[in-house]
Amino acid sequence: MTKNVNGITFQTVPTEWDVYFDMALVMLEEIMKNNAAGKRTVMIVPVGPTNQYPILARMVNQLRVSLKDVWFFNMDEYLITPDTCIDPGDKMSFHKRMEDEFYSRVDKDLLMPREQRQFPEPGHEAEYDALIERLGGVDLCLGGLGINGHIAFNEPAEEGDPITAEEYAVLGTRVLPISRETQTINAYGYQRGDLRGMPKWCITVGMKQILNAKKIYIALNRDWQHGIVKHVLNDEPTPKIPATLLQGHGNTVICAYESVAQGLFS
C-alpha cells in the first residue's frame, strides 16, 4: 500500500525485514545513480535502525559498487557530558555500530575514505553544517522515528517553550539533553532496561540539515511507532512533534511494515 497523507508518502511492506531491505535498496539506488552520472553522493544516515547496513554492504560487494565518492554524515552520537563524546569503543557508541554493521563489512577497495565517514562533534557543530553545504547539500536523509516524534536527536520542544515550527525548522547541529522518553525507550530497546546506564546528553544534526535534504526516508521498524506516526501524519506541524515538520518537505517517504500500519487509516 502507498498513500499520500499531508504531503508525506506512506508505504507499507510485508515484514520488518522488508523495511531494512527497502531502505538498503533506496541507498544503493541513490549511490548507483550518482556514480553513473559522475556525481558524489551525500547522505545523512542513522544508527537506529541499523539492520539495513549489512544488506547494503553485501549488495555493494556483490555488485562491485564503488563508495569512493560517497559521504556519510551520521545523524547523531551519545555524549557522556555536554562536551565529551561517548568512547568510540563503547557498545552504545554510534561510531562502533557503524563500524561493526557497515564499514567493516564493505570490501576495502570499494569503501569510502575515512574522512568521508563523518560524525558530529561537540565544539565543531558549525563546521559540520558548513561541510554539508560545501559538498552541495544532502541527496538523501535516512532515519527512524522516536516515540516522542523526534528525528535524529531533535527532541520535542517542552510545554511552555515559545519556539515556533518555523524557528525549529532552521535549528542546526547542536548539543542537547536527551528527553526522558527517549532515554526510556532506548534503554528498553538497547540496554535491556538499564535506564540508569543511559547517556543523558547527545549531539544531533539539525532539522535544517534534515529538511534541506533532497529526499527523506523514514523507516518504521518497531510496533510502538504506530502510536506516534498517527500524529506525524495527521497533526498540524509543531515543534512538540518534530517529525510533523516533514509534512512541508515535499519528498518524504515513511516506510512501515504491515503490523505497524494496521489501523492507521481505518
Protein backbone atom coordinates (compact mmCIF):
# COMPACT_ATOMS: atom_id res chain seq x y z
CA MET A 1 0.00 0.00 0.00
CA THR A 2 1.15 3.51 -0.82
CA LYS A 3 -0.78 6.54 0.39
CA ASN A 4 -0.11 10.28 0.42
CA VAL A 5 -1.02 11.97 3.70
CA ASN A 6 -0.44 15.70 4.15
CA GLY A 7 2.44 15.67 1.68
CA ILE A 8 4.14 12.55 3.07
CA THR A 9 4.24 9.31 1.06
CA PHE A 10 3.41 6.43 3.40
CA GLN A 11 4.22 2.97 2.12
CA THR A 12 3.93 -0.49 3.66
CA VAL A 13 5.94 -3.66 3.14
CA PRO A 14 5.07 -7.12 4.48
CA THR A 15 7.61 -7.65 7.28
CA GLU A 16 10.18 -5.87 9.43
CA TRP A 17 12.99 -7.37 7.34
CA ASP A 18 11.41 -5.87 4.22
CA VAL A 19 11.78 -2.41 5.78
CA TYR A 20 15.54 -2.92 6.08
CA PHE A 21 15.76 -4.37 2.56
CA ASP A 22 13.80 -1.48 1.08
CA MET A 23 15.96 1.02 2.94
CA ALA A 24 19.15 -0.63 1.66
CA LEU A 25 17.77 -0.60 -1.89
CA VAL A 26 16.94 3.10 -1.67
CA MET A 27 20.51 3.83 -0.53
CA LEU A 28 22.05 1.62 -3.22
CA GLU A 29 19.93 3.12 -5.99
CA GLU A 30 20.93 6.66 -5.00
CA ILE A 31 24.63 5.74 -4.99
CA MET A 32 24.48 3.89 -8.30
CA LYS A 33 22.52 6.70 -9.97
CA ASN A 34 25.05 9.31 -8.88
CA ASN A 35 28.04 7.09 -9.72
CA ALA A 36 26.67 6.67 -13.25
CA ALA A 37 26.33 10.45 -13.59
CA GLY A 38 29.84 11.07 -12.24
CA LYS A 39 28.44 12.82 -9.16
CA ARG A 40 29.20 12.45 -5.47
CA THR A 41 26.53 11.11 -3.11
CA VAL A 42 25.93 12.82 0.24
CA MET A 43 23.73 11.07 2.80
CA ILE A 44 22.67 11.70 6.37
CA VAL A 45 22.49 8.24 7.92
CA PRO A 46 21.16 6.84 11.20
CA VAL A 47 22.08 4.41 13.92
CA GLY A 48 18.57 3.21 14.60
CA PRO A 49 17.76 1.36 12.51
CA THR A 50 21.00 -0.39 11.51
CA ASN A 51 19.86 -3.72 10.06
CA GLN A 52 19.90 -2.20 6.58
CA TYR A 53 23.67 -1.82 6.68
CA PRO A 54 24.71 -5.49 6.40
CA ILE A 55 22.26 -5.86 3.50
CA LEU A 56 23.69 -2.79 1.79
CA ALA A 57 27.27 -3.96 2.36
CA ARG A 58 26.54 -7.32 0.80
CA MET A 59 24.95 -5.75 -2.29
CA VAL A 60 27.82 -3.26 -2.63
CA ASN A 61 30.35 -6.10 -2.52
CA GLN A 62 28.48 -8.43 -4.86
CA LEU A 63 27.68 -5.72 -7.43
CA ARG A 64 31.11 -4.07 -7.04
CA VAL A 65 29.61 -0.65 -6.38
CA SER A 66 32.27 1.92 -5.51
CA LEU A 67 31.68 4.11 -2.47
CA LYS A 68 34.77 6.22 -3.18
CA ASP A 69 32.63 9.29 -3.97
CA VAL A 70 30.08 8.72 -1.20
CA TRP A 71 29.90 10.78 2.01
CA PHE A 72 28.05 9.52 5.08
CA PHE A 73 27.12 12.10 7.72
CA ASN A 74 25.86 10.35 10.81
CA MET A 75 22.84 11.96 12.41
CA ASP A 76 23.99 11.93 15.99
CA GLU A 77 26.02 10.45 18.81
CA TYR A 78 25.73 9.94 22.55
CA LEU A 79 27.70 12.23 24.87
CA ILE A 80 28.74 11.47 28.44
CA THR A 81 28.91 15.21 29.22
CA PRO A 82 27.81 18.19 27.13
CA ASP A 83 31.30 18.41 25.61
CA THR A 84 32.56 14.79 25.65
CA CYS A 85 31.55 12.03 23.26
CA ILE A 86 30.98 8.50 24.47
CA ASP A 87 34.06 6.31 23.99
CA PRO A 88 34.03 5.11 20.36
CA GLY A 89 34.68 1.57 21.59
CA ASP A 90 31.66 1.55 23.91
CA LYS A 91 28.89 -0.81 22.84
CA MET A 92 26.47 2.15 22.85
CA SER A 93 28.68 4.25 20.57
CA PHE A 94 27.25 5.01 17.14
CA HIS A 95 30.84 5.09 15.83
CA LYS A 96 31.22 1.46 16.89
CA ARG A 97 27.90 0.36 15.47
CA MET A 98 28.62 1.92 12.08
CA GLU A 99 31.99 0.19 12.03
CA ASP A 100 30.54 -3.17 13.07
CA GLU A 101 27.41 -3.08 10.93
CA PHE A 102 28.73 -1.45 7.76
CA TYR A 103 32.26 -0.15 7.32
CA SER A 104 34.00 -3.39 8.39
CA ARG A 105 31.75 -5.39 6.04
CA VAL A 106 32.49 -3.48 2.83
CA ASP A 107 35.43 -4.64 0.71
CA LYS A 108 38.31 -2.24 1.31
CA ASP A 109 38.76 -1.46 -2.38
CA LEU A 110 35.15 -0.22 -2.52
CA LEU A 111 34.92 1.60 0.83
CA MET A 112 34.92 5.39 1.05
CA PRO A 113 37.95 7.05 2.72
CA ARG A 114 37.71 7.62 6.47
CA GLU A 115 37.38 11.38 6.04
CA GLN A 116 34.11 10.76 4.19
CA ARG A 117 32.61 8.97 7.23
CA GLN A 118 31.57 11.97 9.27
CA PHE A 119 30.13 12.30 12.80
CA PRO A 120 29.07 15.48 14.60
CA GLU A 121 31.40 16.50 17.43
CA PRO A 122 30.89 18.99 20.28
CA GLY A 123 32.65 22.25 19.53
CA HIS A 124 32.58 21.61 15.78
CA GLU A 125 28.88 21.96 15.05
CA ALA A 126 29.22 24.87 12.63
CA GLU A 127 31.98 23.06 10.75
CA TYR A 128 29.73 20.01 10.33
CA ASP A 129 26.94 22.07 8.84
CA ALA A 130 29.36 24.02 6.65
CA LEU A 131 30.90 20.84 5.22
CA ILE A 132 27.47 19.57 4.21
CA GLU A 133 26.79 22.87 2.44
CA ARG A 134 30.22 22.89 0.79
CA LEU A 135 29.53 19.46 -0.69
CA GLY A 136 26.34 20.76 -2.27
CA GLY A 137 23.82 19.58 0.30
CA VAL A 138 22.29 16.22 1.12
CA ASP A 139 20.95 13.92 -1.58
CA LEU A 140 19.22 11.53 0.80
CA CYS A 141 18.49 11.67 4.53
CA LEU A 142 17.52 8.40 6.20
CA GLY A 143 16.35 7.86 9.75
CA GLY A 144 13.96 6.38 12.23
CA LEU A 145 11.22 7.92 14.36
CA GLY A 146 11.35 8.44 18.11
CA ILE A 147 8.48 7.63 20.44
CA ASN A 148 8.01 11.37 21.03
CA GLY A 149 8.31 12.27 17.36
CA HIS A 150 11.98 13.17 17.28
CA ILE A 151 14.15 12.72 14.17
CA ALA A 152 17.82 12.13 14.89
CA PHE A 153 18.03 13.50 18.45
CA ASN A 154 16.00 16.62 17.65
CA GLU A 155 13.92 16.32 20.81
CA PRO A 156 10.48 17.96 21.08
CA ALA A 157 10.05 21.44 22.46
CA GLU A 158 8.83 21.27 26.05
CA GLU A 159 5.48 22.69 27.14
CA GLY A 160 5.82 26.43 27.54
CA ASP A 161 8.69 26.74 25.07
CA PRO A 162 7.68 29.60 22.73
CA ILE A 163 9.69 28.33 19.72
CA THR A 164 7.63 28.21 16.55
CA ALA A 165 7.62 25.49 13.89
CA GLU A 166 9.44 27.86 11.54
CA GLU A 167 12.14 28.59 14.12
CA TYR A 168 12.54 24.90 14.98
CA ALA A 169 12.91 24.01 11.29
CA VAL A 170 16.10 26.08 10.95
CA LEU A 171 17.92 24.76 14.02
CA GLY A 172 21.37 23.44 13.12
CA THR A 173 23.65 20.77 14.57
CA ARG A 174 23.82 21.16 18.34
CA VAL A 175 24.29 19.53 21.76
CA LEU A 176 21.20 18.93 23.88
CA PRO A 177 19.91 16.76 26.73
CA ILE A 178 18.14 13.55 25.77
CA SER A 179 14.49 13.52 26.80
CA ARG A 180 13.25 11.13 29.47
CA GLU A 181 11.01 9.42 26.91
CA THR A 182 13.94 8.75 24.58
CA GLN A 183 16.16 7.52 27.39
CA THR A 184 13.43 5.11 28.49
CA ILE A 185 12.59 3.62 25.08
CA ASN A 186 16.28 3.31 24.15
CA ALA A 187 17.05 1.63 27.47
CA TYR A 188 14.27 -0.83 26.70
CA GLY A 189 15.44 -1.41 23.13
CA TYR A 190 19.21 -1.45 23.51
CA GLN A 191 20.18 -1.68 27.19
CA ARG A 192 17.94 -4.49 28.47
CA GLY A 193 16.09 -1.92 30.55
CA ASP A 194 19.13 -0.25 32.13
CA LEU A 195 17.69 3.26 32.29
CA ARG A 196 20.33 4.41 34.78
CA GLY A 197 23.04 3.36 32.35
CA MET A 198 21.71 5.52 29.53
CA PRO A 199 23.67 8.59 28.39
CA LYS A 200 21.90 11.84 29.27
CA TRP A 201 23.36 14.02 26.51
CA CYS A 202 23.72 13.90 22.75
CA ILE A 203 24.83 15.81 19.71
CA THR A 204 22.48 15.84 16.73
CA VAL A 205 22.38 17.13 13.19
CA GLY A 206 19.80 19.88 12.93
CA MET A 207 16.33 19.95 11.48
CA LYS A 208 17.70 22.46 8.96
CA GLN A 209 20.09 19.89 7.51
CA ILE A 210 17.40 17.19 7.50
CA LEU A 211 14.71 19.34 5.90
CA ASN A 212 17.13 20.68 3.28
CA ALA A 213 17.83 17.15 2.01
CA LYS A 214 16.56 16.45 -1.49
CA LYS A 215 14.90 13.22 -0.29
CA ILE A 216 13.96 11.94 3.17
CA TYR A 217 13.29 8.29 4.02
CA ILE A 218 11.97 7.33 7.46
CA ALA A 219 11.91 3.64 8.43
CA LEU A 220 9.39 2.33 10.96
CA ASN A 221 10.76 -0.92 12.36
CA ARG A 222 9.06 -1.08 15.79
CA ASP A 223 5.42 -1.85 16.59
CA TRP A 224 5.21 1.05 19.05
CA GLN A 225 5.88 3.52 16.23
CA HIS A 226 2.24 3.05 15.22
CA GLY A 227 1.29 5.41 18.06
CA ILE A 228 3.49 8.34 17.12
CA VAL A 229 3.24 8.08 13.33
CA LYS A 230 -0.52 8.76 13.58
CA HIS A 231 0.34 12.19 14.92
CA VAL A 232 3.22 12.75 12.50
CA LEU A 233 0.85 12.21 9.58
CA ASN A 234 -2.23 13.98 10.88
CA ASP A 235 -1.35 16.69 13.43
CA GLU A 236 -0.52 20.26 12.48
CA PRO A 237 3.25 20.86 12.15
CA THR A 238 4.60 21.61 15.61
CA PRO A 239 8.00 21.60 17.35
CA LYS A 240 6.35 19.49 20.06
CA ILE A 241 6.35 16.65 17.47
CA PRO A 242 9.39 17.44 15.31
CA ALA A 243 8.58 14.87 12.60
CA THR A 244 5.36 16.74 11.75
CA LEU A 245 7.64 19.26 10.03
CA LEU A 246 8.19 16.63 7.32
CA GLN A 247 4.73 17.48 6.01
CA GLY A 248 6.16 20.56 4.32
CA HIS A 249 9.21 18.88 2.82
CA GLY A 250 7.69 17.64 -0.44
CA ASN A 251 9.77 14.49 -0.99
CA THR A 252 9.46 12.36 2.16
CA VAL A 253 8.72 8.64 2.32
CA ILE A 254 7.78 6.79 5.50
CA CYS A 255 8.11 3.02 5.15
CA ALA A 256 6.45 0.70 7.68
CA TYR A 257 5.72 -2.99 7.85
CA GLU A 258 2.12 -4.13 7.92
CA SER A 259 1.59 -4.57 11.66
CA VAL A 260 2.87 -1.03 12.33
CA ALA A 261 0.50 0.38 9.71
CA GLN A 262 -2.52 -1.70 10.74
CA GLY A 263 -5.44 0.54 11.69
CA LEU A 264 -3.76 3.82 10.73
CA PHE A 265 -6.30 4.68 8.05
CA SER A 266 -9.46 2.94 9.28
